Amino acid sequence: PTGAKSLAAALEKNSTLTSLDLQWNNVGDDGASDLAAALEEKQNSTLRSLDLRRNNVGNRGASKLAAALRREGKKNSTLTSLNLAENNVGDEGASDLAAALEEKQNSTL
């Protein structure tokens, strides 16, 4: 998660990176939460694809990512692809992600 925290800090300043593939990096809920915070604050306006496959992301991390996608006034409007395949996301996290996608505030993912 320390690496994810560093990447999240870099994403806040990023102006060129459009795709980030972190599969198989054991990012976990803490790392997903850090990445979500970077996306949520609208600091990053270029990232279009985030691949978090096989990273032990559970409900908490998925819920934080969902919140980043739907936060009113601070929503991420550039992310068009989020891959959470083969993680530990259960009903709660999946429900939060579904709700974020249903809201009109998120029109890109």
PDB file of N, CA and C in Angstrom:
ATOM      1  N   PRO A   1       0.794  -1.212   0.000  1.00  0.00           N
ATOM      2  CA  PRO A   1       0.000   0.000   0.000  1.00  0.00           C
ATOM      3  C   PRO A   1       0.834   1.273   0.000  1.00  0.00           C
ATOM      4  N   THR A   2       2.090   1.195   0.471  1.00  0.00           N
ATOM      5  CA  THR A   2       2.954   2.370   0.435  1.00  0.00           C
ATOM      6  C   THR A   2       3.185   2.802  -0.999  1.00  0.00           C
ATOM      7  N   GLY A   3       3.377   1.831  -1.887  1.00  0.00           N
ATOM      8  CA  GLY A   3       3.563   2.138  -3.299  1.00  0.00           C
ATOM      9  C   GLY A   3       2.326   2.774  -3.899  1.00  0.00           C
ATOM     10  N   ALA A   4       1.157   2.274  -3.516  1.00  0.00           N
ATOM     11  CA  ALA A   4      -0.096   2.844  -4.022  1.00  0.00           C
ATOM     12  C   ALA A   4      -0.277   4.266  -3.527  1.00  0.00           C
ATOM     13  N   LYS A   5       0.127   4.517  -2.290  1.00  0.00           N
ATOM     14  CA  LYS A   5       0.033   5.878  -1.746  1.00  0.00           C
ATOM     15  C   LYS A   5       0.928   6.829  -2.539  1.00  0.00           C
ATOM     16  N   SER A   6       2.115   6.373  -2.895  1.00  0.00           N
ATOM     17  CA  SER A   6       3.030   7.192  -3.700  1.00  0.00           C
ATOM     18  C   SER A   6       2.472   7.421  -5.097  1.00  0.00           C
ATOM     19  N   LEU A   7       1.893   6.371  -5.680  1.00  0.00           N
ATOM     20  CA  LEU A   7       1.277   6.524  -7.005  1.00  0.00           C
ATOM     21  C   LEU A   7       0.099   7.491  -6.951  1.00  0.00           C
ATOM     22  N   ALA A   8      -0.682   7.405  -5.889  1.00  0.00           N
ATOM     23  CA  ALA A   8      -1.825   8.304  -5.733  1.00  0.00           C
ATOM     24  C   ALA A   8      -1.359   9.752  -5.663  1.00  0.00           C
ATOM     25  N   ALA A   9      -0.284   9.996  -4.933  1.00  0.00           N
ATOM     26  CA  ALA A   9       0.265  11.352  -4.844  1.00  0.00           C
ATOM     27  C   ALA A   9       0.732  11.834  -6.208  1.00  0.00           C
ATOM     28  N   ALA A  10       1.333  10.938  -6.976  1.00  0.00           N
ATOM     29  CA  ALA A  10       1.787  11.305  -8.320  1.00  0.00           C
ATOM     30  C   ALA A  10       0.602  11.568  -9.249  1.00  0.00           C
ATOM     31  N   LEU A  11      -0.480  10.799  -9.087  1.00  0.00           N
ATOM     32  CA  LEU A  11      -1.668  11.000  -9.920  1.00  0.00           C
ATOM     33  C   LEU A  11      -2.279  12.375  -9.710  1.00  0.00           C
ATOM     34  N   GLU A  12      -2.155  12.881  -8.508  1.00  0.00           N
ATOM     35  CA  GLU A  12      -2.709  14.206  -8.228  1.00  0.00           C
ATOM     36  C   GLU A  12      -2.015  15.290  -9.041  1.00  0.00           C
ATOM     37  N   LYS A  13      -0.781  15.026  -9.453  1.00  0.00           N
ATOM     38  CA  LYS A  13      -0.015  16.004 -10.225  1.00  0.00           C
ATOM     39  C   LYS A  13       0.098  15.631 -11.699  1.00  0.00           C
ATOM     40  N   ASN A  14      -0.390  14.447 -12.038  1.00  0.00           N
ATOM     41  CA  ASN A  14      -0.261  13.930 -13.391  1.00  0.00           C
ATOM     42  C   ASN A  14      -1.015  14.778 -14.414  1.00  0.00           C
ATOM     43  N   SER A  15      -0.371  15.033 -15.526  1.00  0.00           N
ATOM     44  CA  SER A  15      -1.060  15.747 -16.604  1.00  0.00           C
ATOM     45  C   SER A  15      -0.904  15.019 -17.945  1.00  0.00           C
ATOM     46  N   THR A  16      -0.319  13.822 -17.932  1.00  0.00           N
ATOM     47  CA  THR A  16      -0.113  13.105 -19.192  1.00  0.00           C
ATOM     48  C   THR A  16      -0.540  11.639 -19.163  1.00  0.00           C
ATOM     49  N   LEU A  17      -0.423  10.949 -18.044  1.00  0.00           N
ATOM     50  CA  LEU A  17      -0.726   9.522 -17.967  1.00  0.00           C
ATOM     51  C   LEU A  17      -2.212   9.272 -18.191  1.00  0.00           C
ATOM     52  N   THR A  18      -2.537   8.393 -19.137  1.00  0.00           N
ATOM     53  CA  THR A  18      -3.937   8.102 -19.421  1.00  0.00           C
ATOM     54  C   THR A  18      -4.346   6.701 -18.995  1.00  0.00           C
ATOM     55  N   SER A  19      -3.373   5.805 -18.767  1.00  0.00           N
ATOM     56  CA  SER A  19      -3.687   4.434 -18.400  1.00  0.00           C
ATOM     57  C   SER A  19      -2.723   3.958 -17.315  1.00  0.00           C
ATOM     58  N   LEU A  20      -3.266   3.280 -16.304  1.00  0.00           N
ATOM     59  CA  LEU A  20      -2.444   2.765 -15.216  1.00  0.00           C
ATOM     60  C   LEU A  20      -2.843   1.314 -14.954  1.00  0.00           C
ATOM     61  N   ASP A  21      -1.923   0.402 -15.206  1.00  0.00           N
ATOM     62  CA  ASP A  21      -2.163  -1.029 -15.028  1.00  0.00           C
ATOM     63  C   ASP A  21      -1.402  -1.496 -13.797  1.00  0.00           C
ATOM     64  N   LEU A  22      -2.129  -1.803 -12.740  1.00  0.00           N
ATOM     65  CA  LEU A  22      -1.521  -2.225 -11.481  1.00  0.00           C
ATOM     66  C   LEU A  22      -1.877  -3.662 -11.123  1.00  0.00           C
ATOM     67  N   GLN A  23      -2.288  -4.455 -12.093  1.00  0.00           N
ATOM     68  CA  GLN A  23      -2.701  -5.817 -11.762  1.00  0.00           C
ATOM     69  C   GLN A  23      -1.584  -6.616 -11.106  1.00  0.00           C
ATOM     70  N   TRP A  24      -1.983  -7.492 -10.179  1.00  0.00           N
ATOM     71  CA  TRP A  24      -1.075  -8.360  -9.421  1.00  0.00           C
ATOM     72  C   TRP A  24      -0.106  -7.575  -8.531  1.00  0.00           C
ATOM     73  N   ASN A  25      -0.522  -6.499  -7.917  1.00  0.00           N
ATOM     74  CA  ASN A  25       0.367  -5.708  -7.069  1.00  0.00           C
ATOM     75  C   ASN A  25      -0.063  -5.649  -5.607  1.00  0.00           C
ATOM     76  N   ASN A  26      -1.055  -6.418  -5.221  1.00  0.00           N
ATOM     77  CA  ASN A  26      -1.508  -6.471  -3.834  1.00  0.00           C
ATOM     78  C   ASN A  26      -1.801  -5.075  -3.268  1.00  0.00           C
ATOM     79  N   VAL A  27      -2.488  -4.291  -4.050  1.00  0.00           N
ATOM     80  CA  VAL A  27      -2.849  -2.927  -3.660  1.00  0.00           C
ATOM     81  C   VAL A  27      -3.745  -2.933  -2.424  1.00  0.00           C
ATOM     82  N   GLY A  28      -4.691  -3.851  -2.358  1.00  0.00           N
ATOM     83  CA  GLY A  28      -5.586  -3.977  -1.208  1.00  0.00           C
ATOM     84  C   GLY A  28      -6.526  -2.793  -1.054  1.00  0.00           C
ATOM     85  N   ASP A  29      -7.298  -2.840   0.020  1.00  0.00           N
ATOM     86  CA  ASP A  29      -8.268  -1.781   0.292  1.00  0.00           C
ATOM     87  C   ASP A  29      -7.609  -0.436   0.580  1.00  0.00           C
ATOM     88  N   ASP A  30      -6.500  -0.460   1.308  1.00  0.00           N
ATOM     89  CA  ASP A  30      -5.824   0.802   1.629  1.00  0.00           C
ATOM     90  C   ASP A  30      -5.306   1.478   0.370  1.00  0.00           C
ATOM     91  N   GLY A  31      -4.676   0.716  -0.499  1.00  0.00           N
ATOM     92  CA  GLY A  31      -4.155   1.283  -1.740  1.00  0.00           C
ATOM     93  C   GLY A  31      -5.268   1.772  -2.653  1.00  0.00           C
ATOM     94  N   ALA A  32      -6.351   0.988  -2.747  1.00  0.00           N
ATOM     95  CA  ALA A  32      -7.501   1.405  -3.565  1.00  0.00           C
ATOM     96  C   ALA A  32      -8.099   2.695  -3.016  1.00  0.00           C
ATOM     97  N   SER A  33      -8.125   2.806  -1.696  1.00  0.00           N
ATOM     98  CA  SER A  33      -8.649   4.028  -1.059  1.00  0.00           C
ATOM     99  C   SER A  33      -7.769   5.232  -1.372  1.00  0.00           C
ATOM    100  N   ASP A  34      -6.457   5.034  -1.358  1.00  0.00           N
ATOM    101  CA  ASP A  34      -5.529   6.120  -1.706  1.00  0.00           C
ATOM    102  C   ASP A  34      -5.710   6.546  -3.158  1.00  0.00           C
ATOM    103  N   LEU A  35      -5.833   5.581  -4.048  1.00  0.00           N
ATOM    104  CA  LEU A  35      -6.037   5.893  -5.463  1.00  0.00           C
ATOM    105  C   LEU A  35      -7.380   6.591  -5.669  1.00  0.00           C
ATOM    106  N   ALA A  36      -8.396   6.138  -4.957  1.00  0.00           N
ATOM    107  CA  ALA A  36      -9.718   6.772  -5.053  1.00  0.00           C
ATOM    108  C   ALA A  36      -9.658   8.234  -4.631  1.00  0.00           C
ATOM    109  N   ALA A  37      -8.910   8.514  -3.576  1.00  0.00           N
ATOM    110  CA  ALA A  37      -8.782   9.896  -3.102  1.00  0.00           C
ATOM    111  C   ALA A  37      -8.147  10.775  -4.176  1.00  0.00           C
ATOM    112  N   ALA A  38      -7.167  10.245  -4.881  1.00  0.00           N
ATOM    113  CA  ALA A  38      -6.521  11.022  -5.946  1.00  0.00           C
ATOM    114  C   ALA A  38      -7.498  11.295  -7.082  1.00  0.00           C
ATOM    115  N   LEU A  39      -8.343  10.333  -7.393  1.00  0.00           N
ATOM    116  CA  LEU A  39      -9.332  10.521  -8.457  1.00  0.00           C
ATOM    117  C   LEU A  39     -10.454  11.442  -8.019  1.00  0.00           C
ATOM    118  N   GLU A  40     -10.824  11.327  -6.760  1.00  0.00           N
ATOM    119  CA  GLU A  40     -11.943  12.077  -6.217  1.00  0.00           C
ATOM    120  C   GLU A  40     -11.709  13.580  -6.189  1.00  0.00           C
ATOM    121  N   GLU A  41     -10.526  13.965  -5.913  1.00  0.00           N
ATOM    122  CA  GLU A  41     -10.234  15.383  -5.739  1.00  0.00           C
ATOM    123  C   GLU A  41     -10.109  16.157  -7.048  1.00  0.00           C
ATOM    124  N   LYS A  42     -10.343  15.493  -8.137  1.00  0.00           N
ATOM    125  CA  LYS A  42     -10.260  16.132  -9.460  1.00  0.00           C
ATOM    126  C   LYS A  42      -8.867  16.684  -9.737  1.00  0.00           C
ATOM    127  N   GLN A  43      -7.895  16.217  -8.982  1.00  0.00           N
ATOM    128  CA  GLN A  43      -6.525  16.636  -9.261  1.00  0.00           C
ATOM    129  C   GLN A  43      -6.061  16.012 -10.557  1.00  0.00           C
ATOM    130  N   ASN A  44      -6.554  14.810 -10.831  1.00  0.00           N
ATOM    131  CA  ASN A  44      -6.153  14.097 -12.032  1.00  0.00           C
ATOM    132  C   ASN A  44      -7.236  14.258 -13.079  1.00  0.00           C
ATOM    133  N   SER A  45      -6.870  14.822 -14.206  1.00  0.00           N
ATOM    134  CA  SER A  45      -7.865  15.039 -15.260  1.00  0.00           C
ATOM    135  C   SER A  45      -7.503  14.311 -16.544  1.00  0.00           C
ATOM    136  N   THR A  46      -6.577  13.369 -16.476  1.00  0.00           N
ATOM    137  CA  THR A  46      -6.168  12.666 -17.697  1.00  0.00           C
ATOM    138  C   THR A  46      -6.332  11.150 -17.633  1.00  0.00           C
ATOM    139  N   LEU A  47      -6.344  10.541 -16.458  1.00  0.00           N
ATOM    140  CA  LEU A  47      -6.411   9.085 -16.358  1.00  0.00           C
ATOM    141  C   LEU A  47      -7.749   8.577 -16.874  1.00  0.00           C
ATOM    142  N   ARG A  48      -7.690   7.699 -17.869  1.00  0.00           N
ATOM    143  CA  ARG A  48      -8.904   7.143 -18.470  1.00  0.00           C
ATOM    144  C   ARG A  48      -9.115   5.684 -18.108  1.00  0.00           C
ATOM    145  N   SER A  49      -8.031   4.983 -17.807  1.00  0.00           N
ATOM    146  CA  SER A  49      -8.133   3.551 -17.535  1.00  0.00           C
ATOM    147  C   SER A  49      -7.329   3.190 -16.288  1.00  0.00           C
ATOM    148  N   LEU A  50      -7.977   2.477 -15.363  1.00  0.00           N
ATOM    149  CA  LEU A  50      -7.321   2.018 -14.144  1.00  0.00           C
ATOM    150  C   LEU A  50      -7.588   0.525 -13.999  1.00  0.00           C
ATOM    151  N   ASP A  51      -6.544  -0.271 -14.062  1.00  0.00           N
ATOM    152  CA  ASP A  51      -6.661  -1.723 -13.979  1.00  0.00           C
ATOM    153  C   ASP A  51      -6.149  -2.193 -12.621  1.00  0.00           C
ATOM    154  N   LEU A  52      -7.065  -2.654 -11.796  1.00  0.00           N
ATOM    155  CA  LEU A  52      -6.725  -3.136 -10.457  1.00  0.00           C
ATOM    156  C   LEU A  52      -7.034  -4.628 -10.307  1.00  0.00           C
ATOM    157  N   ARG A  53      -6.942  -5.372 -11.394  1.00  0.00           N
ATOM    158  CA  ARG A  53      -7.200  -6.818 -11.333  1.00  0.00           C
ATOM    159  C   ARG A  53      -6.258  -7.508 -10.352  1.00  0.00           C
ATOM    160  N   ARG A  54      -6.808  -8.500  -9.655  1.00  0.00           N
ATOM    161  CA  ARG A  54      -6.032  -9.379  -8.775  1.00  0.00           C
ATOM    162  C   ARG A  54      -5.207  -8.592  -7.740  1.00  0.00           C
ATOM    163  N   ASN A  55      -5.859  -7.730  -6.995  1.00  0.00           N
ATOM    164  CA  ASN A  55      -5.159  -6.868  -6.044  1.00  0.00           C
ATOM    165  C   ASN A  55      -5.696  -6.949  -4.621  1.00  0.00           C
ATOM    166  N   ASN A  56      -6.492  -7.939  -4.317  1.00  0.00           N
ATOM    167  CA  ASN A  56      -7.061  -8.083  -2.971  1.00  0.00           C
ATOM    168  C   ASN A  56      -7.875  -6.865  -2.543  1.00  0.00           C
ATOM    169  N   VAL A  57      -8.538  -6.242  -3.497  1.00  0.00           N
ATOM    170  CA  VAL A  57      -9.436  -5.127  -3.179  1.00  0.00           C
ATOM    171  C   VAL A  57     -10.758  -5.731  -2.721  1.00  0.00           C
ATOM    172  N   GLY A  58     -11.226  -5.296  -1.562  1.00  0.00           N
ATOM    173  CA  GLY A  58     -12.482  -5.791  -1.018  1.00  0.00           C
ATOM    174  C   GLY A  58     -13.561  -4.728  -1.049  1.00  0.00           C
ATOM    175  N   ASN A  59     -14.556  -4.925  -0.202  1.00  0.00           N
ATOM    176  CA  ASN A  59     -15.686  -4.000  -0.163  1.00  0.00           C
ATOM    177  C   ASN A  59     -15.281  -2.568   0.157  1.00  0.00           C
ATOM    178  N   ARG A  60     -14.384  -2.403   1.127  1.00  0.00           N
ATOM    179  CA  ARG A  60     -13.993  -1.044   1.533  1.00  0.00           C
ATOM    180  C   ARG A  60     -13.323  -0.301   0.378  1.00  0.00           C
ATOM    181  N   GLY A  61     -12.400  -0.945  -0.306  1.00  0.00           N
ATOM    182  CA  GLY A  61     -11.720  -0.308  -1.430  1.00  0.00           C
ATOM    183  C   GLY A  61     -12.671  -0.010  -2.576  1.00  0.00           C
ATOM    184  N   ALA A  62     -13.566  -0.957  -2.868  1.00  0.00           N
ATOM    185  CA  ALA A  62     -14.546  -0.760  -3.941  1.00  0.00           C
ATOM    186  C   ALA A  62     -15.488   0.391  -3.606  1.00  0.00           C
ATOM    187  N   SER A  63     -15.882   0.469  -2.340  1.00  0.00           N
ATOM    188  CA  SER A  63     -16.781   1.552  -1.916  1.00  0.00           C
ATOM    189  C   SER A  63     -16.103   2.912  -2.018  1.00  0.00           C
ATOM    190  N   LYS A  64     -14.822   2.963  -1.697  1.00  0.00           N
ATOM    191  CA  LYS A  64     -14.083   4.226  -1.824  1.00  0.00           C
ATOM    192  C   LYS A  64     -13.962   4.625  -3.295  1.00  0.00           C
ATOM    193  N   LEU A  65     -13.703   3.660  -4.160  1.00  0.00           N
ATOM    194  CA  LEU A  65     -13.640   3.956  -5.595  1.00  0.00           C
ATOM    195  C   LEU A  65     -14.997   4.433  -6.102  1.00  0.00           C
ATOM    196  N   ALA A  66     -16.059   3.790  -5.636  1.00  0.00           N
ATOM    197  CA  ALA A  66     -17.410   4.203  -6.034  1.00  0.00           C
ATOM    198  C   ALA A  66     -17.679   5.638  -5.595  1.00  0.00           C
ATOM    199  N   ALA A  67     -17.278   5.969  -4.377  1.00  0.00           N
ATOM    200  CA  ALA A  67     -17.491   7.334  -3.869  1.00  0.00           C
ATOM    201  C   ALA A  67     -16.723   8.345  -4.710  1.00  0.00           C
ATOM    202  N   ALA A  68     -15.533   7.975  -5.151  1.00  0.00           N
ATOM    203  CA  ALA A  68     -14.740   8.885  -5.979  1.00  0.00           C
ATOM    204  C   ALA A  68     -15.418   9.142  -7.316  1.00  0.00           C
ATOM    205  N   LEU A  69     -16.130   8.161  -7.808  1.00  0.00           N
ATOM    206  CA  LEU A  69     -16.795   8.304  -9.098  1.00  0.00           C
ATOM    207  C   LEU A  69     -18.064   9.126  -9.015  1.00  0.00           C
ATOM    208  N   ARG A  70     -18.644   9.202  -7.830  1.00  0.00           N
ATOM    209  CA  ARG A  70     -19.935   9.895  -7.742  1.00  0.00           C
ATOM    210  C   ARG A  70     -19.958  11.110  -6.828  1.00  0.00           C
ATOM    211  N   ARG A  71     -18.843  11.474  -6.250  1.00  0.00           N
ATOM    212  CA  ARG A  71     -18.811  12.599  -5.312  1.00  0.00           C
ATOM    213  C   ARG A  71     -19.268  13.870  -6.017  1.00  0.00           C
ATOM    214  N   GLU A  72     -20.326  14.445  -5.541  1.00  0.00           N
ATOM    215  CA  GLU A  72     -20.886  15.647  -6.153  1.00  0.00           C
ATOM    216  C   GLU A  72     -19.887  16.793  -6.109  1.00  0.00           C
ATOM    217  N   GLY A  73     -19.700  17.415  -7.247  1.00  0.00           N
ATOM    218  CA  GLY A  73     -18.803  18.559  -7.337  1.00  0.00           C
ATOM    219  C   GLY A  73     -17.346  18.181  -7.476  1.00  0.00           C
ATOM    220  N   LYS A  74     -17.016  16.940  -7.128  1.00  0.00           N
ATOM    221  CA  LYS A  74     -15.625  16.513  -7.210  1.00  0.00           C
ATOM    222  C   LYS A  74     -15.498  15.216  -8.008  1.00  0.00           C
ATOM    223  N   LYS A  75     -16.537  14.860  -8.709  1.00  0.00           N
ATOM    224  CA  LYS A  75     -16.533  13.580  -9.407  1.00  0.00           C
ATOM    225  C   LYS A  75     -15.422  13.506 -10.442  1.00  0.00           C
ATOM    226  N   ASN A  76     -14.975  12.309 -10.661  1.00  0.00           N
ATOM    227  CA  ASN A  76     -13.980  12.082 -11.697  1.00  0.00           C
ATOM    228  C   ASN A  76     -14.726  11.962 -13.014  1.00  0.00           C
ATOM    229  N   SER A  77     -14.382  12.783 -13.974  1.00  0.00           N
ATOM    230  CA  SER A  77     -15.109  12.772 -15.247  1.00  0.00           C
ATOM    231  C   SER A  77     -14.275  12.245 -16.402  1.00  0.00           C
ATOM    232  N   THR A  78     -13.087  11.749 -16.139  1.00  0.00           N
ATOM    233  CA  THR A  78     -12.248  11.253 -17.229  1.00  0.00           C
ATOM    234  C   THR A  78     -12.109   9.741 -17.255  1.00  0.00           C
ATOM    235  N   LEU A  79     -12.268   9.059 -16.129  1.00  0.00           N
ATOM    236  CA  LEU A  79     -12.092   7.618 -16.073  1.00  0.00           C
ATOM    237  C   LEU A  79     -13.194   6.917 -16.866  1.00  0.00           C
ATOM    238  N   THR A  80     -12.806   6.136 -17.860  1.00  0.00           N
ATOM    239  CA  THR A  80     -13.774   5.406 -18.679  1.00  0.00           C
ATOM    240  C   THR A  80     -13.674   3.904 -18.501  1.00  0.00           C
ATOM    241  N   SER A  81     -12.626   3.425 -17.827  1.00  0.00           N
ATOM    242  CA  SER A  81     -12.449   1.994 -17.622  1.00  0.00           C
ATOM    243  C   SER A  81     -11.856   1.739 -16.234  1.00  0.00           C
ATOM    244  N   LEU A  82     -12.546   0.886 -15.478  1.00  0.00           N
ATOM    245  CA  LEU A  82     -12.079   0.484 -14.158  1.00  0.00           C
ATOM    246  C   LEU A  82     -12.221  -1.029 -14.074  1.00  0.00           C
ATOM    247  N   ASN A  83     -11.104  -1.743 -13.978  1.00  0.00           N
ATOM    248  CA  ASN A  83     -11.132  -3.199 -13.950  1.00  0.00           C
ATOM    249  C   ASN A  83     -10.838  -3.682 -12.535  1.00  0.00           C
ATOM    250  N   LEU A  84     -11.827  -4.318 -11.924  1.00  0.00           N
ATOM    251  CA  LEU A  84     -11.688  -4.867 -10.577  1.00  0.00           C
ATOM    252  C   LEU A  84     -11.882  -6.384 -10.581  1.00  0.00           C
ATOM    253  N   ALA A  85     -11.641  -7.028 -11.706  1.00  0.00           N
ATOM    254  CA  ALA A  85     -11.822  -8.473 -11.822  1.00  0.00           C
ATOM    255  C   ALA A  85     -10.901  -9.216 -10.859  1.00  0.00           C
ATOM    256  N   GLU A  86     -11.368 -10.343 -10.391  1.00  0.00           N
ATOM    257  CA  GLU A  86     -10.602 -11.253  -9.544  1.00  0.00           C
ATOM    258  C   GLU A  86     -10.081 -10.599  -8.263  1.00  0.00           C
ATOM    259  N   ASN A  87     -10.936  -9.783  -7.651  1.00  0.00           N
ATOM    260  CA  ASN A  87     -10.652  -9.194  -6.343  1.00  0.00           C
ATOM    261  C   ASN A  87     -11.606  -9.812  -5.333  1.00  0.00           C
ATOM    262  N   ASN A  88     -11.683  -9.238  -4.167  1.00  0.00           N
ATOM    263  CA  ASN A  88     -12.550  -9.747  -3.106  1.00  0.00           C
ATOM    264  C   ASN A  88     -13.755  -8.848  -2.874  1.00  0.00           C
ATOM    265  N   VAL A  89     -14.238  -8.226  -3.930  1.00  0.00           N
ATOM    266  CA  VAL A  89     -15.384  -7.334  -3.817  1.00  0.00           C
ATOM    267  C   VAL A  89     -16.643  -8.175  -3.630  1.00  0.00           C
ATOM    268  N   GLY A  90     -17.345  -7.917  -2.536  1.00  0.00           N
ATOM    269  CA  GLY A  90     -18.572  -8.641  -2.240  1.00  0.00           C
ATOM    270  C   GLY A  90     -19.795  -7.825  -2.601  1.00  0.00           C
ATOM    271  N   ASP A  91     -20.920  -8.224  -2.044  1.00  0.00           N
ATOM    272  CA  ASP A  91     -22.194  -7.572  -2.362  1.00  0.00           C
ATOM    273  C   ASP A  91     -22.192  -6.083  -2.030  1.00  0.00           C
ATOM    274  N   GLU A  92     -21.633  -5.725  -0.875  1.00  0.00           N
ATOM    275  CA  GLU A  92     -21.641  -4.322  -0.452  1.00  0.00           C
ATOM    276  C   GLU A  92     -20.858  -3.436  -1.425  1.00  0.00           C
ATOM    277  N   GLY A  93     -19.646  -3.840  -1.757  1.00  0.00           N
ATOM    278  CA  GLY A  93     -18.821  -3.061  -2.683  1.00  0.00           C
ATOM    279  C   GLY A  93     -19.423  -3.014  -4.070  1.00  0.00           C
ATOM    280  N   ALA A  94     -19.959  -4.150  -4.522  1.00  0.00           N
ATOM    281  CA  ALA A  94     -20.579  -4.206  -5.848  1.00  0.00           C
ATOM    282  C   ALA A  94     -21.811  -3.307  -5.904  1.00  0.00           C
ATOM    283  N   SER A  95     -22.564  -3.293  -4.816  1.00  0.00           N
ATOM    284  CA  SER A  95     -23.750  -2.442  -4.746  1.00  0.00           C
ATOM    285  C   SER A  95     -23.366  -0.961  -4.814  1.00  0.00           C
ATOM    286  N   ASP A  96     -22.312  -0.586  -4.104  1.00  0.00           N
ATOM    287  CA  ASP A  96     -21.848   0.801  -4.140  1.00  0.00           C
ATOM    288  C   ASP A  96     -21.365   1.194  -5.538  1.00  0.00           C
ATOM    289  N   LEU A  97     -20.648   0.287  -6.191  1.00  0.00           N
ATOM    290  CA  LEU A  97     -20.189   0.565  -7.558  1.00  0.00           C
ATOM    291  C   LEU A  97     -21.375   0.700  -8.513  1.00  0.00           C
ATOM    292  N   ALA A  98     -22.353  -0.182  -8.372  1.00  0.00           N
ATOM    293  CA  ALA A  98     -23.539  -0.118  -9.225  1.00  0.00           C
ATOM    294  C   ALA A  98     -24.288   1.198  -9.021  1.00  0.00           C
ATOM    295  N   ALA A  99     -24.401   1.619  -7.769  1.00  0.00           N
ATOM    296  CA  ALA A  99     -25.090   2.880  -7.475  1.00  0.00           C
ATOM    297  C   ALA A  99     -24.350   4.060  -8.100  1.00  0.00           C
ATOM    298  N   ALA A 100     -23.020   4.016  -8.060  1.00  0.00           N
ATOM    299  CA  ALA A 100     -22.225   5.098  -8.657  1.00  0.00           C
ATOM    300  C   ALA A 100     -22.443   5.156 -10.166  1.00  0.00           C
ATOM    301  N   LEU A 101     -22.547   3.995 -10.783  1.00  0.00           N
ATOM    302  CA  LEU A 101     -22.746   3.954 -12.232  1.00  0.00           C
ATOM    303  C   LEU A 101     -24.156   4.396 -12.615  1.00  0.00           C
ATOM    304  N   GLU A 102     -25.106   4.137 -11.751  1.00  0.00           N
ATOM    305  CA  GLU A 102     -26.492   4.522 -12.032  1.00  0.00           C
ATOM    306  C   GLU A 102     -26.723   6.020 -11.919  1.00  0.00           C
ATOM    307  N   GLU A 103     -25.963   6.663 -11.050  1.00  0.00           N
ATOM    308  CA  GLU A 103     -26.167   8.092 -10.849  1.00  0.00           C
ATOM    309  C   GLU A 103     -25.805   8.879 -12.093  1.00  0.00           C
ATOM    310  N   LYS A 104     -26.579   9.878 -12.370  1.00  0.00           N
ATOM    311  CA  LYS A 104     -26.341  10.691 -13.552  1.00  0.00           C
ATOM    312  C   LYS A 104     -25.054  11.485 -13.474  1.00  0.00           C
ATOM    313  N   GLN A 105     -24.529  11.630 -12.259  1.00  0.00           N
ATOM    314  CA  GLN A 105     -23.313  12.414 -12.103  1.00  0.00           C
ATOM    315  C   GLN A 105     -22.134  11.756 -12.793  1.00  0.00           C
ATOM    316  N   ASN A 106     -22.156  10.426 -12.926  1.00  0.00           N
ATOM    317  CA  ASN A 106     -21.056   9.744 -13.596  1.00  0.00           C
ATOM    318  C   ASN A 106     -21.509   9.404 -15.002  1.00  0.00           C
ATOM    319  N   SER A 107     -20.980  10.102 -15.977  1.00  0.00           N
ATOM    320  CA  SER A 107     -21.399   9.867 -17.352  1.00  0.00           C
ATOM    321  C   SER A 107     -20.279   9.311 -18.221  1.00  0.00           C
ATOM    322  N   THR A 108     -19.179   8.908 -17.603  1.00  0.00           N
ATOM    323  CA  THR A 108     -18.054   8.443 -18.418  1.00  0.00           C
ATOM    324  C   THR A 108     -17.747   6.968 -18.263  1.00  0.00           C
ATOM    325  N   LEU A 109     -17.973   6.388 -17.101  1.00  0.00           N
ATOM    326  CA  LEU A 109     -17.577   5.009 -16.882  1.00  0.00           C
ATOM    327  C   LEU A 109     -18.681   4.057 -17.259  1.00  0.00           C
TER     328      LEU A 109
END
